[in-house]
Amino acid sequence: MVDTARSGRAGEPALKKEAHQGRGVPGIIWFPLTAAGTGAIIYVLTGQATRAATDRFSRTPGGH
């Protein structure tokens, strides 16, 4: 359906089946590893930022 819309609307030929296929097993493995690594980095950085903000605001005068 996407190929039909692409060829009819843009005047471009439909993509070949090879263009639709990903990189196979390496792509299937690479994506979750990259996503997990990115998630871990974000988790650590937000934890550090939260800890720094908590320390900074707990030292303010007035006990707020």
N, C-alpha and C. Protein backbone atom coordinates (compact mmCIF):
# COMPACT_ATOMS: atom_id res chain seq x y z
N MET A 1 0.82 -1.18 0.00
CA MET A 1 0.00 0.00 0.00
C MET A 1 0.87 1.26 0.00
N VAL A 2 1.93 1.25 0.79
CA VAL A 2 2.84 2.40 0.83
C VAL A 2 3.52 2.55 -0.52
N ASP A 3 3.91 1.44 -1.12
CA ASP A 3 4.55 1.51 -2.43
C ASP A 3 3.62 2.09 -3.48
N THR A 4 2.35 1.72 -3.42
CA THR A 4 1.37 2.25 -4.38
C THR A 4 1.19 3.75 -4.19
N ALA A 5 1.08 4.18 -2.95
CA ALA A 5 0.94 5.61 -2.67
C ALA A 5 2.18 6.37 -3.10
N ARG A 6 3.32 5.79 -2.87
CA ARG A 6 4.59 6.44 -3.23
C ARG A 6 4.70 6.60 -4.73
N SER A 7 4.38 5.55 -5.47
CA SER A 7 4.53 5.62 -6.91
C SER A 7 3.46 6.52 -7.53
N GLY A 8 2.25 6.52 -6.96
CA GLY A 8 1.17 7.33 -7.52
C GLY A 8 1.31 8.79 -7.19
N ARG A 9 1.72 9.11 -6.00
CA ARG A 9 1.74 10.50 -5.55
C ARG A 9 3.03 11.22 -5.94
N ALA A 10 4.16 10.59 -5.72
CA ALA A 10 5.43 11.25 -5.97
C ALA A 10 5.97 10.97 -7.37
N GLY A 11 5.37 10.03 -8.04
CA GLY A 11 5.86 9.68 -9.37
C GLY A 11 7.15 8.88 -9.32
N GLU A 12 7.50 8.38 -8.15
CA GLU A 12 8.71 7.58 -8.00
C GLU A 12 8.34 6.10 -8.09
N PRO A 13 9.26 5.31 -8.60
CA PRO A 13 8.97 3.87 -8.66
C PRO A 13 8.94 3.27 -7.26
N ALA A 14 8.23 2.17 -7.13
CA ALA A 14 8.16 1.47 -5.85
C ALA A 14 9.53 0.93 -5.48
N LEU A 15 9.81 0.91 -4.18
CA LEU A 15 11.09 0.38 -3.71
C LEU A 15 11.14 -1.12 -3.89
N LYS A 16 12.33 -1.61 -4.11
CA LYS A 16 12.51 -3.06 -4.23
C LYS A 16 12.43 -3.69 -2.86
N LYS A 17 12.19 -4.97 -2.82
CA LYS A 17 12.08 -5.69 -1.56
C LYS A 17 13.37 -5.57 -0.74
N GLU A 18 14.51 -5.55 -1.41
CA GLU A 18 15.79 -5.46 -0.68
C GLU A 18 15.89 -4.15 0.09
N ALA A 19 15.28 -3.10 -0.40
CA ALA A 19 15.36 -1.81 0.28
C ALA A 19 14.54 -1.82 1.57
N HIS A 20 13.52 -2.67 1.63
CA HIS A 20 12.68 -2.74 2.81
C HIS A 20 13.30 -3.57 3.92
N GLN A 21 14.21 -4.43 3.57
CA GLN A 21 14.80 -5.31 4.57
C GLN A 21 15.90 -4.56 5.31
N GLY A 22 15.97 -4.81 6.61
CA GLY A 22 16.97 -4.14 7.44
C GLY A 22 18.34 -4.76 7.26
N ARG A 23 19.11 -4.65 8.26
CA ARG A 23 20.47 -5.17 8.20
C ARG A 23 20.56 -6.59 8.75
N GLY A 24 19.44 -7.18 9.01
CA GLY A 24 19.44 -8.56 9.48
C GLY A 24 19.75 -8.65 10.96
N VAL A 25 20.41 -9.72 11.31
CA VAL A 25 20.69 -10.01 12.72
C VAL A 25 21.55 -8.93 13.38
N PRO A 26 22.58 -8.41 12.74
CA PRO A 26 23.35 -7.34 13.41
C PRO A 26 22.48 -6.13 13.76
N GLY A 27 21.55 -5.76 12.88
CA GLY A 27 20.66 -4.64 13.18
C GLY A 27 19.72 -4.95 14.32
N ILE A 28 19.26 -6.20 14.38
CA ILE A 28 18.36 -6.62 15.44
C ILE A 28 19.08 -6.60 16.79
N ILE A 29 20.33 -6.92 16.80
CA ILE A 29 21.12 -6.93 18.04
C ILE A 29 21.59 -5.52 18.40
N TRP A 30 21.99 -4.75 17.40
CA TRP A 30 22.57 -3.43 17.62
C TRP A 30 21.56 -2.46 18.24
N PHE A 31 20.32 -2.47 17.76
CA PHE A 31 19.32 -1.52 18.25
C PHE A 31 19.06 -1.66 19.74
N PRO A 32 18.76 -2.87 20.27
CA PRO A 32 18.49 -2.96 21.71
C PRO A 32 19.72 -2.62 22.57
N LEU A 33 20.89 -2.97 22.09
CA LEU A 33 22.10 -2.64 22.85
C LEU A 33 22.30 -1.13 22.92
N THR A 34 22.09 -0.46 21.80
CA THR A 34 22.22 0.99 21.77
C THR A 34 21.16 1.65 22.65
N ALA A 35 19.93 1.17 22.56
CA ALA A 35 18.84 1.73 23.36
C ALA A 35 19.09 1.52 24.85
N ALA A 36 19.56 0.34 25.22
CA ALA A 36 19.84 0.06 26.63
C ALA A 36 20.99 0.92 27.14
N GLY A 37 22.01 1.09 26.34
CA GLY A 37 23.14 1.93 26.74
C GLY A 37 22.74 3.38 26.90
N THR A 38 21.94 3.88 25.98
CA THR A 38 21.45 5.25 26.07
C THR A 38 20.57 5.43 27.30
N GLY A 39 19.70 4.46 27.54
CA GLY A 39 18.83 4.53 28.72
C GLY A 39 19.63 4.53 30.01
N ALA A 40 20.68 3.73 30.07
CA ALA A 40 21.52 3.68 31.27
C ALA A 40 22.24 5.00 31.51
N ILE A 41 22.73 5.60 30.44
CA ILE A 41 23.41 6.88 30.57
C ILE A 41 22.45 7.96 31.06
N ILE A 42 21.25 7.99 30.49
CA ILE A 42 20.25 8.98 30.91
C ILE A 42 19.87 8.75 32.37
N TYR A 43 19.72 7.49 32.77
CA TYR A 43 19.36 7.17 34.16
C TYR A 43 20.43 7.68 35.13
N VAL A 44 21.68 7.46 34.81
CA VAL A 44 22.77 7.90 35.68
C VAL A 44 22.84 9.42 35.74
N LEU A 45 22.73 10.07 34.58
CA LEU A 45 22.82 11.53 34.55
C LEU A 45 21.66 12.20 35.28
N THR A 46 20.45 11.67 35.14
CA THR A 46 19.33 12.27 35.86
C THR A 46 19.44 12.01 37.36
N GLY A 47 19.98 10.87 37.75
CA GLY A 47 20.20 10.60 39.17
C GLY A 47 21.20 11.56 39.77
N GLN A 48 22.27 11.83 39.03
CA GLN A 48 23.27 12.77 39.52
C GLN A 48 22.70 14.19 39.61
N ALA A 49 21.92 14.57 38.61
CA ALA A 49 21.33 15.92 38.61
C ALA A 49 20.33 16.06 39.76
N THR A 50 19.55 15.03 40.02
CA THR A 50 18.58 15.06 41.11
C THR A 50 19.29 15.16 42.45
N ARG A 51 20.35 14.38 42.61
CA ARG A 51 21.11 14.41 43.85
C ARG A 51 21.74 15.79 44.07
N ALA A 52 22.28 16.39 43.01
CA ALA A 52 22.90 17.71 43.14
C ALA A 52 21.86 18.77 43.48
N ALA A 53 20.69 18.69 42.86
CA ALA A 53 19.63 19.66 43.16
C ALA A 53 19.13 19.49 44.59
N THR A 54 19.00 18.25 45.04
CA THR A 54 18.55 17.99 46.40
C THR A 54 19.55 18.55 47.41
N ASP A 55 20.82 18.33 47.16
CA ASP A 55 21.86 18.86 48.06
C ASP A 55 21.85 20.38 48.06
N ARG A 56 21.69 20.98 46.90
CA ARG A 56 21.72 22.44 46.80
C ARG A 56 20.53 23.06 47.52
N PHE A 57 19.33 22.51 47.33
CA PHE A 57 18.14 23.11 47.94
C PHE A 57 17.99 22.76 49.41
N SER A 58 18.62 21.68 49.87
CA SER A 58 18.52 21.35 51.30
C SER A 58 19.43 22.26 52.13
N ARG A 59 20.36 22.94 51.52
CA ARG A 59 21.25 23.84 52.24
C ARG A 59 20.76 25.28 52.23
N THR A 60 19.58 25.55 51.68
CA THR A 60 19.09 26.93 51.62
C THR A 60 18.62 27.39 52.98
N PRO A 61 18.74 28.65 53.29
CA PRO A 61 18.29 29.16 54.58
C PRO A 61 16.77 29.06 54.70
N GLY A 62 16.29 28.86 55.88
CA GLY A 62 14.87 28.78 56.13
C GLY A 62 14.34 27.38 56.12
N GLY A 63 15.18 26.40 55.78
CA GLY A 63 14.77 25.01 55.82
C GLY A 63 13.85 24.58 54.69
N HIS A 64 13.81 25.29 53.60
CA HIS A 64 12.93 24.92 52.47
C HIS A 64 13.63 23.98 51.56
